[in-house]
Amino acid sequence: MNAPLTAAAPPTMRALLQRRYGADAVAFAEVPAPTAAPGAVLIQVVSAALNRGDWHLLTGTPYAVRLAGYGVLRPNRAIPGMAVAGRVVAVGAGVTGFAPGDGVLGEIDGGGFAERVNAAPGALAKIPAGVSFEQAATLPISGTTALQGLRDAGALKAGESLLVIGAAGGVGGFAVQLGRHFGAEVTGVCSAKNVEGVRAMGAHHVIDYTATRLGDHPARFDVILDLVGAEPLASLRRMLKPGGRLVSGSGGQDNVVLGPMFPILRGLLSNLGATERFIPLMNKPTPSDLEVLCALVAEGAITPDISARIGLSEAPGYLDRMGEGHTRGKVVIQIDADSARSAR
């Protein structure tokens, strides 16, 4: 008599799961692996990068993020992670422009801290030759924020002076290098332990905020990119040249309910009657900007500052510490460690 047939167990994958809000709410687990969804690209994730936004979604703060579609009482995305790089495994019905084996990067709507994830094709760009998966994973969010902050919001021009506050951070490191690439005279602000690292990234001048009060510094700048939000608005305005632009990528001490809304409103109101401009910075996921950044990495014009390479099971501890706001450079999860550092 033949033995009864049993259904094969569905394939599983390693992932980080979040069942509730809280800094300690994410855990390493085995979960069912997805298949290619209609209209989506199924990616085998090689590398993923941590971003401050991951911490905000992990904790559900400011509370306004919960009302923005992420779940009011508990997160509605079980797997976090927005910045990824990997290989295309399969494409869903109706998808064109991508094929299995393509190396891709992108800013996705969650799910990146796992071995596989479905992503919208409009969120992805292809990784060119000469760029590794781990380098590519650092570019969504951090790289695009720096690029859009200087090129678009700040309208930075060759020969102008640029001040980057938070120059040792994930966005700041890209901003220093991009500012230099655009032909600006770059001054970076960081703590004493990061002075040499910021100088090595191309800053012409470095201010150690632990030794010098920023508001007392005599220099004046065409563009200030503030990624920290610790300096008073009036102080930063005094540091601008006539017609200068203050680009704010941080709300400072955000309201726990509404986030940076009030600091942004104060900044915009301060524009009344002034020649200097306050400009809030909001990152926009743009594959064309990822292509620009990839090209700059490939030609050696910018180099992602990767401060730590970790495994997926180590990520919860790093996410917990991101709330302190003192992480240098980029932390990359090597989900496929054998492939992460290989160039395309």
C-alpha atoms as a PDB file:
ATOM      1  CA  MET A   1       0.000   0.000   0.000  1.00  0.00           C
ATOM      2  CA  ASN A   2       1.430   3.363  -0.982  1.00  0.00           C
ATOM      3  CA  ALA A   3       2.268   5.846   1.786  1.00  0.00           C
ATOM      4  CA  PRO A   4       0.018   8.920   1.823  1.00  0.00           C
ATOM      5  CA  LEU A   5       1.417  11.968   0.089  1.00  0.00           C
ATOM      6  CA  THR A   6       2.371  14.881   2.337  1.00  0.00           C
ATOM      7  CA  ALA A   7       2.642  18.484   1.255  1.00  0.00           C
ATOM      8  CA  ALA A   8       6.158  19.893   1.148  1.00  0.00           C
ATOM      9  CA  ALA A   9       6.869  22.433   3.846  1.00  0.00           C
ATOM     10  CA  PRO A  10       6.872  25.979   2.474  1.00  0.00           C
ATOM     11  CA  PRO A  11      10.336  27.550   2.181  1.00  0.00           C
ATOM     12  CA  THR A  12      11.406  29.798   5.028  1.00  0.00           C
ATOM     13  CA  MET A  13      13.845  32.679   5.414  1.00  0.00           C
ATOM     14  CA  ARG A  14      15.652  34.553   8.156  1.00  0.00           C
ATOM     15  CA  ALA A  15      14.189  37.934   9.065  1.00  0.00           C
ATOM     16  CA  LEU A  16      13.713  40.493  11.811  1.00  0.00           C
ATOM     17  CA  LEU A  17      10.145  40.644  13.117  1.00  0.00           C
ATOM     18  CA  GLN A  18       8.394  43.515  14.866  1.00  0.00           C
ATOM     19  CA  ARG A  19       5.125  42.722  16.638  1.00  0.00           C
ATOM     20  CA  ARG A  20       4.773  45.920  18.685  1.00  0.00           C
ATOM     21  CA  TYR A  21       6.256  49.399  19.022  1.00  0.00           C
ATOM     22  CA  GLY A  22       9.351  49.858  21.178  1.00  0.00           C
ATOM     23  CA  ALA A  23      13.137  50.128  20.947  1.00  0.00           C
ATOM     24  CA  ASP A  24      13.443  46.478  22.003  1.00  0.00           C
ATOM     25  CA  ALA A  25      10.537  45.201  19.926  1.00  0.00           C
ATOM     26  CA  VAL A  26      12.394  43.533  17.060  1.00  0.00           C
ATOM     27  CA  ALA A  27      13.579  39.917  17.152  1.00  0.00           C
ATOM     28  CA  PHE A  28      15.407  37.485  14.866  1.00  0.00           C
ATOM     29  CA  ALA A  29      13.145  34.732  13.479  1.00  0.00           C
ATOM     30  CA  GLU A  30      12.475  32.189  10.709  1.00  0.00           C
ATOM     31  CA  VAL A  31       9.397  33.092   8.659  1.00  0.00           C
ATOM     32  CA  PRO A  32       7.771  31.930   5.406  1.00  0.00           C
ATOM     33  CA  ALA A  33       9.624  33.212   2.344  1.00  0.00           C
ATOM     34  CA  PRO A  34       7.621  35.257  -0.184  1.00  0.00           C
ATOM     35  CA  THR A  35       7.134  34.452  -3.851  1.00  0.00           C
ATOM     36  CA  ALA A  36       7.036  37.047  -6.607  1.00  0.00           C
ATOM     37  CA  ALA A  37       3.854  39.108  -6.286  1.00  0.00           C
ATOM     38  CA  PRO A  38       2.052  40.506  -9.349  1.00  0.00           C
ATOM     39  CA  GLY A  39       3.578  43.825 -10.350  1.00  0.00           C
ATOM     40  CA  ALA A  40       6.538  43.352  -7.976  1.00  0.00           C
ATOM     41  CA  VAL A  41      10.195  42.360  -8.137  1.00  0.00           C
ATOM     42  CA  LEU A  42      11.308  39.584  -5.774  1.00  0.00           C
ATOM     43  CA  ILE A  43      14.771  40.378  -4.411  1.00  0.00           C
ATOM     44  CA  GLN A  44      17.282  38.123  -2.676  1.00  0.00           C
ATOM     45  CA  VAL A  45      18.644  40.704  -0.252  1.00  0.00           C
ATOM     46  CA  VAL A  46      22.440  40.723   0.003  1.00  0.00           C
ATOM     47  CA  SER A  47      22.919  43.877   2.104  1.00  0.00           C
ATOM     48  CA  ALA A  48      20.631  46.255   3.972  1.00  0.00           C
ATOM     49  CA  ALA A  49      21.533  49.502   5.723  1.00  0.00           C
ATOM     50  CA  LEU A  50      20.238  50.901   9.009  1.00  0.00           C
ATOM     51  CA  ASN A  51      18.750  54.394   8.969  1.00  0.00           C
ATOM     52  CA  ARG A  52      17.367  56.722  11.607  1.00  0.00           C
ATOM     53  CA  GLY A  53      13.955  56.310   9.990  1.00  0.00           C
ATOM     54  CA  ASP A  54      14.050  52.617  10.903  1.00  0.00           C
ATOM     55  CA  TRP A  55      14.295  53.621  14.573  1.00  0.00           C
ATOM     56  CA  HIS A  56      11.357  56.022  14.255  1.00  0.00           C
ATOM     57  CA  LEU A  57       9.204  53.276  12.751  1.00  0.00           C
ATOM     58  CA  LEU A  58      10.458  50.799  15.353  1.00  0.00           C
ATOM     59  CA  THR A  59       9.413  53.030  18.243  1.00  0.00           C
ATOM     60  CA  GLY A  60       6.375  54.582  16.545  1.00  0.00           C
ATOM     61  CA  THR A  61       7.619  58.073  17.392  1.00  0.00           C
ATOM     62  CA  PRO A  62       6.751  60.768  16.706  1.00  0.00           C
ATOM     63  CA  TYR A  63       3.208  59.473  16.925  1.00  0.00           C
ATOM     64  CA  ALA A  64       2.375  61.184  13.646  1.00  0.00           C
ATOM     65  CA  VAL A  65       4.168  58.354  11.811  1.00  0.00           C
ATOM     66  CA  ARG A  66       1.533  55.939  13.076  1.00  0.00           C
ATOM     67  CA  LEU A  67      -1.199  58.011  11.460  1.00  0.00           C
ATOM     68  CA  ALA A  68       0.791  58.082   8.210  1.00  0.00           C
ATOM     69  CA  GLY A  69      -0.175  54.475   7.502  1.00  0.00           C
ATOM     70  CA  TYR A  70       2.184  52.477   9.719  1.00  0.00           C
ATOM     71  CA  GLY A  71      -0.370  51.352  12.317  1.00  0.00           C
ATOM     72  CA  VAL A  72      -1.833  53.261  15.263  1.00  0.00           C
ATOM     73  CA  LEU A  73      -1.590  50.731  18.102  1.00  0.00           C
ATOM     74  CA  ARG A  74       0.872  48.281  16.562  1.00  0.00           C
ATOM     75  CA  PRO A  75       3.002  48.263  13.405  1.00  0.00           C
ATOM     76  CA  ASN A  76       1.283  46.903  10.313  1.00  0.00           C
ATOM     77  CA  ARG A  77       4.589  45.953   8.681  1.00  0.00           C
ATOM     78  CA  ALA A  78       5.930  42.843  10.388  1.00  0.00           C
ATOM     79  CA  ILE A  79       9.440  43.165   8.917  1.00  0.00           C
ATOM     80  CA  PRO A  80      11.258  46.539   9.051  1.00  0.00           C
ATOM     81  CA  GLY A  81      14.018  47.756   6.744  1.00  0.00           C
ATOM     82  CA  MET A  82      13.881  50.269   3.885  1.00  0.00           C
ATOM     83  CA  ALA A  83      17.354  50.491   2.265  1.00  0.00           C
ATOM     84  CA  VAL A  84      18.391  47.334   0.409  1.00  0.00           C
ATOM     85  CA  ALA A  85      20.631  45.934  -2.290  1.00  0.00           C
ATOM     86  CA  GLY A  86      20.455  42.454  -3.762  1.00  0.00           C
ATOM     87  CA  ARG A  87      19.743  40.229  -6.749  1.00  0.00           C
ATOM     88  CA  VAL A  88      16.486  39.815  -8.595  1.00  0.00           C
ATOM     89  CA  VAL A  89      15.126  36.284  -8.057  1.00  0.00           C
ATOM     90  CA  ALA A  90      11.935  36.602 -10.058  1.00  0.00           C
ATOM     91  CA  VAL A  91       9.556  39.207 -11.432  1.00  0.00           C
ATOM     92  CA  GLY A  92       5.800  39.240 -11.001  1.00  0.00           C
ATOM     93  CA  ALA A  93       3.213  39.467 -13.748  1.00  0.00           C
ATOM     94  CA  GLY A  94       3.316  42.759 -15.622  1.00  0.00           C
ATOM     95  CA  VAL A  95       6.872  43.740 -14.614  1.00  0.00           C
ATOM     96  CA  THR A  96       9.282  44.894 -17.318  1.00  0.00           C
ATOM     97  CA  GLY A  97      12.816  46.258 -17.176  1.00  0.00           C
ATOM     98  CA  PHE A  98      14.139  43.746 -14.638  1.00  0.00           C
ATOM     99  CA  ALA A  99      15.207  40.123 -14.983  1.00  0.00           C
ATOM    100  CA  PRO A 100      16.471  37.389 -12.658  1.00  0.00           C
ATOM    101  CA  GLY A 101      20.115  37.945 -11.810  1.00  0.00           C
ATOM    102  CA  ASP A 102      20.015  41.764 -12.017  1.00  0.00           C
ATOM    103  CA  GLY A 103      21.730  43.549  -9.158  1.00  0.00           C
ATOM    104  CA  VAL A 104      19.402  46.206  -7.743  1.00  0.00           C
ATOM    105  CA  LEU A 105      19.176  48.768  -4.943  1.00  0.00           C
ATOM    106  CA  GLY A 106      16.326  50.850  -3.657  1.00  0.00           C
ATOM    107  CA  GLU A 107      14.322  52.462  -0.886  1.00  0.00           C
ATOM    108  CA  ILE A 108      11.394  50.128  -0.265  1.00  0.00           C
ATOM    109  CA  ASP A 109       8.319  50.333   1.941  1.00  0.00           C
ATOM    110  CA  GLY A 110       9.555  47.964   4.655  1.00  0.00           C
ATOM    111  CA  GLY A 111      10.530  44.295   4.618  1.00  0.00           C
ATOM    112  CA  GLY A 112      14.224  44.807   3.868  1.00  0.00           C
ATOM    113  CA  PHE A 113      15.632  43.162   7.007  1.00  0.00           C
ATOM    114  CA  ALA A 114      15.050  39.686   5.579  1.00  0.00           C
ATOM    115  CA  GLU A 115      16.564  37.332   3.054  1.00  0.00           C
ATOM    116  CA  ARG A 116      13.858  38.012   0.462  1.00  0.00           C
ATOM    117  CA  VAL A 117      11.450  40.873  -0.167  1.00  0.00           C
ATOM    118  CA  ASN A 118       8.998  41.995  -2.836  1.00  0.00           C
ATOM    119  CA  ALA A 119       9.623  45.552  -4.045  1.00  0.00           C
ATOM    120  CA  ALA A 120       7.870  47.902  -6.419  1.00  0.00           C
ATOM    121  CA  PRO A 121       9.902  48.156  -9.661  1.00  0.00           C
ATOM    122  CA  GLY A 122       9.539  51.954  -9.570  1.00  0.00           C
ATOM    123  CA  ALA A 123      11.559  52.034  -6.338  1.00  0.00           C
ATOM    124  CA  LEU A 124      14.573  50.231  -7.793  1.00  0.00           C
ATOM    125  CA  ALA A 125      17.685  51.065  -9.783  1.00  0.00           C
ATOM    126  CA  LYS A 126      20.273  48.693 -11.200  1.00  0.00           C
ATOM    127  CA  ILE A 127      23.709  48.421  -9.600  1.00  0.00           C
ATOM    128  CA  PRO A 128      26.446  49.216 -12.133  1.00  0.00           C
ATOM    129  CA  ALA A 129      29.822  47.519 -12.453  1.00  0.00           C
ATOM    130  CA  GLY A 130      32.338  48.555  -9.811  1.00  0.00           C
ATOM    131  CA  VAL A 131      29.811  49.065  -6.981  1.00  0.00           C
ATOM    132  CA  SER A 132      29.476  46.418  -4.263  1.00  0.00           C
ATOM    133  CA  PHE A 133      26.184  45.358  -2.730  1.00  0.00           C
ATOM    134  CA  GLU A 134      27.107  46.819   0.651  1.00  0.00           C
ATOM    135  CA  GLN A 135      28.082  50.149  -0.932  1.00  0.00           C
ATOM    136  CA  ALA A 136      24.803  50.164  -2.867  1.00  0.00           C
ATOM    137  CA  ALA A 137      22.749  49.523   0.296  1.00  0.00           C
ATOM    138  CA  THR A 138      24.064  52.724   1.904  1.00  0.00           C
ATOM    139  CA  LEU A 139      22.828  54.971  -0.917  1.00  0.00           C
ATOM    140  CA  PRO A 140      19.021  54.846  -0.507  1.00  0.00           C
ATOM    141  CA  ILE A 141      17.833  57.372   2.101  1.00  0.00           C
ATOM    142  CA  SER A 142      21.232  58.618   3.341  1.00  0.00           C
ATOM    143  CA  GLY A 143      22.834  59.209  -0.040  1.00  0.00           C
ATOM    144  CA  THR A 144      19.713  60.603  -1.672  1.00  0.00           C
ATOM    145  CA  THR A 145      19.011  62.888   1.307  1.00  0.00           C
ATOM    146  CA  ALA A 146      22.495  64.389   1.035  1.00  0.00           C
ATOM    147  CA  LEU A 147      22.242  64.775  -2.740  1.00  0.00           C
ATOM    148  CA  GLN A 148      18.803  66.360  -2.671  1.00  0.00           C
ATOM    149  CA  GLY A 149      19.748  68.561   0.270  1.00  0.00           C
ATOM    150  CA  LEU A 150      22.735  70.106  -1.498  1.00  0.00           C
ATOM    151  CA  ARG A 151      21.773  69.990  -5.180  1.00  0.00           C
ATOM    152  CA  ASP A 152      18.055  70.730  -4.929  1.00  0.00           C
ATOM    153  CA  ALA A 153      17.154  72.358  -1.598  1.00  0.00           C
ATOM    154  CA  GLY A 154      20.465  74.167  -1.112  1.00  0.00           C
ATOM    155  CA  ALA A 155      21.186  74.862  -4.806  1.00  0.00           C
ATOM    156  CA  LEU A 156      24.892  74.568  -3.940  1.00  0.00           C
ATOM    157  CA  LYS A 157      27.234  75.989  -6.582  1.00  0.00           C
ATOM    158  CA  ALA A 158      30.932  75.624  -7.257  1.00  0.00           C
ATOM    159  CA  GLY A 159      32.955  78.168  -5.298  1.00  0.00           C
ATOM    160  CA  GLU A 160      30.382  78.523  -2.509  1.00  0.00           C
ATOM    161  CA  SER A 161      30.995  77.708   1.144  1.00  0.00           C
ATOM    162  CA  LEU A 162      29.155  74.825   2.807  1.00  0.00           C
ATOM    163  CA  LEU A 163      28.738  73.957   6.485  1.00  0.00           C
ATOM    164  CA  VAL A 164      27.624  70.386   7.280  1.00  0.00           C
ATOM    165  CA  ILE A 165      26.390  69.921  10.855  1.00  0.00           C
ATOM    166  CA  GLY A 166      26.491  66.226  11.689  1.00  0.00           C
ATOM    167  CA  ALA A 167      29.286  65.553   9.214  1.00  0.00           C
ATOM    168  CA  ALA A 168      30.229  62.159  10.688  1.00  0.00           C
ATOM    169  CA  GLY A 169      26.736  60.667  10.380  1.00  0.00           C
ATOM    170  CA  GLY A 170      25.266  58.592   7.588  1.00  0.00           C
ATOM    171  CA  VAL A 171      23.871  61.554   5.645  1.00  0.00           C
ATOM    172  CA  GLY A 172      26.642  63.920   6.721  1.00  0.00           C
ATOM    173  CA  GLY A 173      29.423  61.737   5.352  1.00  0.00           C
ATOM    174  CA  PHE A 174      27.823  61.781   1.915  1.00  0.00           C
ATOM    175  CA  ALA A 175      27.171  65.537   2.175  1.00  0.00           C
ATOM    176  CA  VAL A 176      30.829  66.306   2.887  1.00  0.00           C
ATOM    177  CA  GLN A 177      31.956  64.292  -0.134  1.00  0.00           C
ATOM    178  CA  LEU A 178      29.235  65.599  -2.435  1.00  0.00           C
ATOM    179  CA  GLY A 179      29.944  69.179  -1.382  1.00  0.00           C
ATOM    180  CA  ARG A 180      33.593  68.701  -2.307  1.00  0.00           C
ATOM    181  CA  HIS A 181      32.564  67.044  -5.598  1.00  0.00           C
ATOM    182  CA  PHE A 182      30.326  70.014  -6.438  1.00  0.00           C
ATOM    183  CA  GLY A 183      33.273  72.374  -5.967  1.00  0.00           C
ATOM    184  CA  ALA A 184      32.307  73.942  -2.642  1.00  0.00           C
ATOM    185  CA  GLU A 185      34.591  74.836   0.259  1.00  0.00           C
ATOM    186  CA  VAL A 186      33.367  72.372   2.875  1.00  0.00           C
ATOM    187  CA  THR A 187      33.406  72.745   6.666  1.00  0.00           C
ATOM    188  CA  GLY A 188      32.233  69.779   8.724  1.00  0.00           C
ATOM    189  CA  VAL A 189      30.976  69.819  12.323  1.00  0.00           C
ATOM    190  CA  CYS A 190      31.484  66.726  14.461  1.00  0.00           C
ATOM    191  CA  SER A 191      32.832  65.523  17.821  1.00  0.00           C
ATOM    192  CA  ALA A 192      36.542  65.259  18.623  1.00  0.00           C
ATOM    193  CA  LYS A 193      36.733  61.514  17.929  1.00  0.00           C
ATOM    194  CA  ASN A 194      35.495  61.997  14.357  1.00  0.00           C
ATOM    195  CA  VAL A 195      37.565  65.022  13.303  1.00  0.00           C
ATOM    196  CA  GLU A 196      40.184  63.066  11.358  1.00  0.00           C
ATOM    197  CA  GLY A 197      37.559  60.880   9.701  1.00  0.00           C
ATOM    198  CA  VAL A 198      35.597  63.909   8.470  1.00  0.00           C
ATOM    199  CA  ARG A 199      38.800  65.514   7.212  1.00  0.00           C
ATOM    200  CA  ALA A 200      39.656  62.276   5.377  1.00  0.00           C
ATOM    201  CA  MET A 201      36.274  62.407   3.633  1.00  0.00           C
ATOM    202  CA  GLY A 202      37.294  65.699   2.050  1.00  0.00           C
ATOM    203  CA  ALA A 203      36.296  68.498   4.419  1.00  0.00           C
ATOM    204  CA  HIS A 204      38.548  71.529   4.008  1.00  0.00           C
ATOM    205  CA  HIS A 205      37.867  72.587   7.600  1.00  0.00           C
ATOM    206  CA  VAL A 206      36.485  70.731  10.629  1.00  0.00           C
ATOM    207  CA  ILE A 207      34.856  72.213  13.742  1.00  0.00           C
ATOM    208  CA  ASP A 208      34.926  70.099  16.900  1.00  0.00           C
ATOM    209  CA  TYR A 209      31.681  71.062  18.635  1.00  0.00           C
ATOM    210  CA  THR A 210      32.973  69.684  21.942  1.00  0.00           C
ATOM    211  CA  ALA A 211      35.749  72.318  21.935  1.00  0.00           C
ATOM    212  CA  THR A 212      34.157  75.226  20.053  1.00  0.00           C
ATOM    213  CA  ARG A 213      30.680  76.658  20.456  1.00  0.00           C
ATOM    214  CA  LEU A 214      29.323  76.633  16.917  1.00  0.00           C
ATOM    215  CA  GLY A 215      27.485  79.929  17.289  1.00  0.00           C
ATOM    216  CA  ASP A 216      30.780  81.656  18.208  1.00  0.00           C
ATOM    217  CA  HIS A 217      32.547  80.541  15.035  1.00  0.00           C
ATOM    218  CA  PRO A 218      33.408  83.602  12.900  1.00  0.00           C
ATOM    219  CA  ALA A 219      32.940  82.065   9.443  1.00  0.00           C
ATOM    220  CA  ARG A 220      29.870  82.718   7.312  1.00  0.00           C
ATOM    221  CA  PHE A 221      28.448  80.266   4.774  1.00  0.00           C
ATOM    222  CA  ASP A 222      26.437  80.221   1.566  1.00  0.00           C
ATOM    223  CA  VAL A 223      24.750  76.940   2.503  1.00  0.00           C
ATOM    224  CA  ILE A 224      24.277  75.273   5.890  1.00  0.00           C
ATOM    225  CA  LEU A 225      23.034  71.680   5.967  1.00  0.00           C
ATOM    226  CA  ASP A 226      21.848  71.005   9.526  1.00  0.00           C
ATOM    227  CA  LEU A 227      21.374  67.304  10.190  1.00  0.00           C
ATOM    228  CA  VAL A 228      21.324  67.541  13.993  1.00  0.00           C
ATOM    229  CA  GLY A 229      18.990  70.342  15.052  1.00  0.00           C
ATOM    230  CA  ALA A 230      20.837  71.225  18.263  1.00  0.00           C
ATOM    231  CA  GLU A 231      21.824  74.793  17.342  1.00  0.00           C
ATOM    232  CA  PRO A 232      19.218  77.563  17.772  1.00  0.00           C
ATOM    233  CA  LEU A 233      17.649  78.787  14.554  1.00  0.00           C
ATOM    234  CA  ALA A 234      18.709  82.401  15.209  1.00  0.00           C
ATOM    235  CA  SER A 235      22.315  81.314  15.688  1.00  0.00           C
ATOM    236  CA  LEU A 236      22.372  79.425  12.389  1.00  0.00           C
ATOM    237  CA  ARG A 237      20.819  82.358  10.551  1.00  0.00           C
ATOM    238  CA  ARG A 238      23.636  84.586  11.807  1.00  0.00           C
ATOM    239  CA  MET A 239      26.126  82.165  10.246  1.00  0.00           C
ATOM    240  CA  LEU A 240      24.664  82.637   6.761  1.00  0.00           C
ATOM    241  CA  LYS A 241      25.980  85.039   4.179  1.00  0.00           C
ATOM    242  CA  PRO A 242      23.422  87.408   2.603  1.00  0.00           C
ATOM    243  CA  GLY A 243      21.239  85.279   0.369  1.00  0.00           C
ATOM    244  CA  GLY A 244      22.423  82.100   2.086  1.00  0.00           C
ATOM    245  CA  ARG A 245      20.343  78.928   2.443  1.00  0.00           C
ATOM    246  CA  LEU A 246      19.768  77.004   5.669  1.00  0.00           C
ATOM    247  CA  VAL A 247      18.676  73.473   4.755  1.00  0.00           C
ATOM    248  CA  SER A 248      17.229  71.653   7.740  1.00  0.00           C
ATOM    249  CA  GLY A 249      17.299  67.867   7.662  1.00  0.00           C
ATOM    250  CA  SER A 250      16.340  67.604  11.327  1.00  0.00           C
ATOM    251  CA  GLY A 251      13.571  68.981  13.472  1.00  0.00           C
ATOM    252  CA  GLY A 252      15.862  69.150  16.487  1.00  0.00           C
ATOM    253  CA  GLN A 253      14.038  68.189  19.672  1.00  0.00           C
ATOM    254  CA  ASP A 254      11.002  66.865  17.847  1.00  0.00           C
ATOM    255  CA  ASN A 255       7.595  66.977  19.477  1.00  0.00           C
ATOM    256  CA  VAL A 256       6.782  63.381  20.446  1.00  0.00           C
ATOM    257  CA  VAL A 257       3.334  63.736  18.878  1.00  0.00           C
ATOM    258  CA  LEU A 258       3.838  65.886  15.779  1.00  0.00           C
ATOM    259  CA  GLY A 259       7.567  65.468  15.186  1.00  0.00           C
ATOM    260  CA  PRO A 260       9.371  68.353  13.450  1.00  0.00           C
ATOM    261  CA  MET A 261       6.209  70.230  12.428  1.00  0.00           C
ATOM    262  CA  PHE A 262       6.659  73.174  14.810  1.00  0.00           C
ATOM    263  CA  PRO A 263      10.417  73.655  14.177  1.00  0.00           C
ATOM    264  CA  ILE A 264       9.690  73.625  10.448  1.00  0.00           C
ATOM    265  CA  LEU A 265       6.912  76.206  10.845  1.00  0.00           C
ATOM    266  CA  ARG A 266       9.202  78.430  12.939  1.00  0.00           C
ATOM    267  CA  GLY A 267      11.868  78.169  10.281  1.00  0.00           C
ATOM    268  CA  LEU A 268       9.511  79.044   7.458  1.00  0.00           C
ATOM    269  CA  LEU A 269       8.109  82.007   9.393  1.00  0.00           C
ATOM    270  CA  SER A 270      11.655  83.260   9.952  1.00  0.00           C
ATOM    271  CA  ASN A 271      11.938  83.724   6.172  1.00  0.00           C
ATOM    272  CA  LEU A 272       9.584  86.710   6.322  1.00  0.00           C
ATOM    273  CA  GLY A 273      11.517  89.841   5.455  1.00  0.00           C
ATOM    274  CA  ALA A 274      14.850  87.990   5.265  1.00  0.00           C
ATOM    275  CA  THR A 275      17.184  87.495   2.320  1.00  0.00           C
ATOM    276  CA  GLU A 276      18.459  84.229   3.831  1.00  0.00           C
ATOM    277  CA  ARG A 277      16.193  81.228   3.349  1.00  0.00           C
ATOM    278  CA  PHE A 278      15.205  78.381   5.678  1.00  0.00           C
ATOM    279  CA  ILE A 279      14.415  75.264   3.613  1.00  0.00           C
ATOM    280  CA  PRO A 280      13.076  72.025   5.166  1.00  0.00           C
ATOM    281  CA  LEU A 281      14.536  68.867   3.665  1.00  0.00           C
ATOM    282  CA  MET A 282      12.428  65.792   2.977  1.00  0.00           C
ATOM    283  CA  ASN A 283      14.013  62.821   1.236  1.00  0.00           C
ATOM    284  CA  LYS A 284      12.178  61.687  -1.910  1.00  0.00           C
ATOM    285  CA  PRO A 285      12.808  58.120  -3.106  1.00  0.00           C
ATOM    286  CA  THR A 286      14.109  58.632  -6.633  1.00  0.00           C
ATOM    287  CA  PRO A 287      15.737  55.831  -8.662  1.00  0.00           C
ATOM    288  CA  SER A 288      17.368  58.386 -10.978  1.00  0.00           C
ATOM    289  CA  ASP A 289      19.200  59.861  -7.976  1.00  0.00           C
ATOM    290  CA  LEU A 290      20.344  56.369  -6.985  1.00  0.00           C
ATOM    291  CA  GLU A 291      21.803  56.029 -10.474  1.00  0.00           C
ATOM    292  CA  VAL A 292      23.643  59.341 -10.038  1.00  0.00           C
ATOM    293  CA  LEU A 293      25.086  58.207  -6.703  1.00  0.00           C
ATOM    294  CA  CYS A 294      26.058  54.776  -8.035  1.00  0.00           C
ATOM    295  CA  ALA A 295      27.954  56.423 -10.879  1.00  0.00           C
ATOM    296  CA  LEU A 296      29.843  58.625  -8.405  1.00  0.00           C
ATOM    297  CA  VAL A 297      30.763  55.586  -6.294  1.00  0.00           C
ATOM    298  CA  ALA A 298      31.863  53.647  -9.378  1.00  0.00           C
ATOM    299  CA  GLU A 299      34.180  56.446 -10.486  1.00  0.00           C
ATOM    300  CA  GLY A 300      35.563  56.945  -6.968  1.00  0.00           C
ATOM    301  CA  ALA A 301      34.154  60.447  -6.461  1.00  0.00           C
ATOM    302  CA  ILE A 302      32.406  59.353  -3.251  1.00  0.00           C
ATOM    303  CA  THR A 303      33.015  56.397  -0.950  1.00  0.00           C
ATOM    304  CA  PRO A 304      30.380  55.249   1.553  1.00  0.00           C
ATOM    305  CA  ASP A 305      31.688  55.440   5.136  1.00  0.00           C
ATOM    306  CA  ILE A 306      30.758  52.021   6.530  1.00  0.00           C
ATOM    307  CA  SER A 307      31.436  51.984  10.277  1.00  0.00           C
ATOM    308  CA  ALA A 308      30.124  48.483  11.027  1.00  0.00           C
ATOM    309  CA  ARG A 309      29.266  45.315   9.151  1.00  0.00           C
ATOM    310  CA  ILE A 310      26.914  43.070  11.086  1.00  0.00           C
ATOM    311  CA  GLY A 311      24.861  39.928  10.692  1.00  0.00           C
ATOM    312  CA  LEU A 312      21.085  39.908  10.671  1.00  0.00           C
ATOM    313  CA  SER A 313      20.902  38.511  14.209  1.00  0.00           C
ATOM    314  CA  GLU A 314      23.023  41.442  15.507  1.00  0.00           C
ATOM    315  CA  ALA A 315      20.744  44.125  14.066  1.00  0.00           C
ATOM    316  CA  PRO A 316      18.296  44.426  17.014  1.00  0.00           C
ATOM    317  CA  GLY A 317      21.026  45.761  19.310  1.00  0.00           C
ATOM    318  CA  TYR A 318      22.189  48.296  16.734  1.00  0.00           C
ATOM    319  CA  LEU A 319      18.629  49.458  16.078  1.00  0.00           C
ATOM    320  CA  ASP A 320      18.121  49.966  19.798  1.00  0.00           C
ATOM    321  CA  ARG A 321      21.200  52.238  19.938  1.00  0.00           C
ATOM    322  CA  MET A 322      20.260  54.322  16.908  1.00  0.00           C
ATOM    323  CA  GLY A 323      17.948  56.415  19.058  1.00  0.00           C
ATOM    324  CA  GLU A 324      21.002  57.946  20.739  1.00  0.00           C
ATOM    325  CA  GLY A 325      21.851  59.706  17.466  1.00  0.00           C
ATOM    326  CA  HIS A 326      25.620  59.204  17.662  1.00  0.00           C
ATOM    327  CA  THR A 327      26.145  56.441  15.108  1.00  0.00           C
ATOM    328  CA  ARG A 328      29.089  57.208  12.797  1.00  0.00           C
ATOM    329  CA  GLY A 329      28.743  56.556   9.102  1.00  0.00           C
ATOM    330  CA  LYS A 330      26.624  53.657   7.918  1.00  0.00           C
ATOM    331  CA  VAL A 331      25.874  50.328   9.592  1.00  0.00           C
ATOM    332  CA  VAL A 332      25.347  47.589   6.994  1.00  0.00           C
ATOM    333  CA  ILE A 333      23.660  44.242   7.582  1.00  0.00           C
ATOM    334  CA  GLN A 334      25.431  41.585   5.536  1.00  0.00           C
ATOM    335  CA  ILE A 335      22.540  39.201   4.964  1.00  0.00           C
ATOM    336  CA  ASP A 336      24.643  37.301   2.411  1.00  0.00           C
ATOM    337  CA  ALA A 337      28.117  37.958   3.809  1.00  0.00           C
ATOM    338  CA  ASP A 338      29.876  36.065   0.997  1.00  0.00           C
ATOM    339  CA  SER A 339      28.438  38.397  -1.645  1.00  0.00           C
ATOM    340  CA  ALA A 340      28.092  41.697   0.249  1.00  0.00           C
ATOM    341  CA  ARG A 341      31.513  43.146  -0.537  1.00  0.00           C
ATOM    342  CA  SER A 342      31.804  41.818  -4.084  1.00  0.00           C
ATOM    343  CA  ALA A 343      31.493  44.355  -6.879  1.00  0.00           C
ATOM    344  CA  ARG A 344      28.889  43.949  -9.562  1.00  0.00           C
END
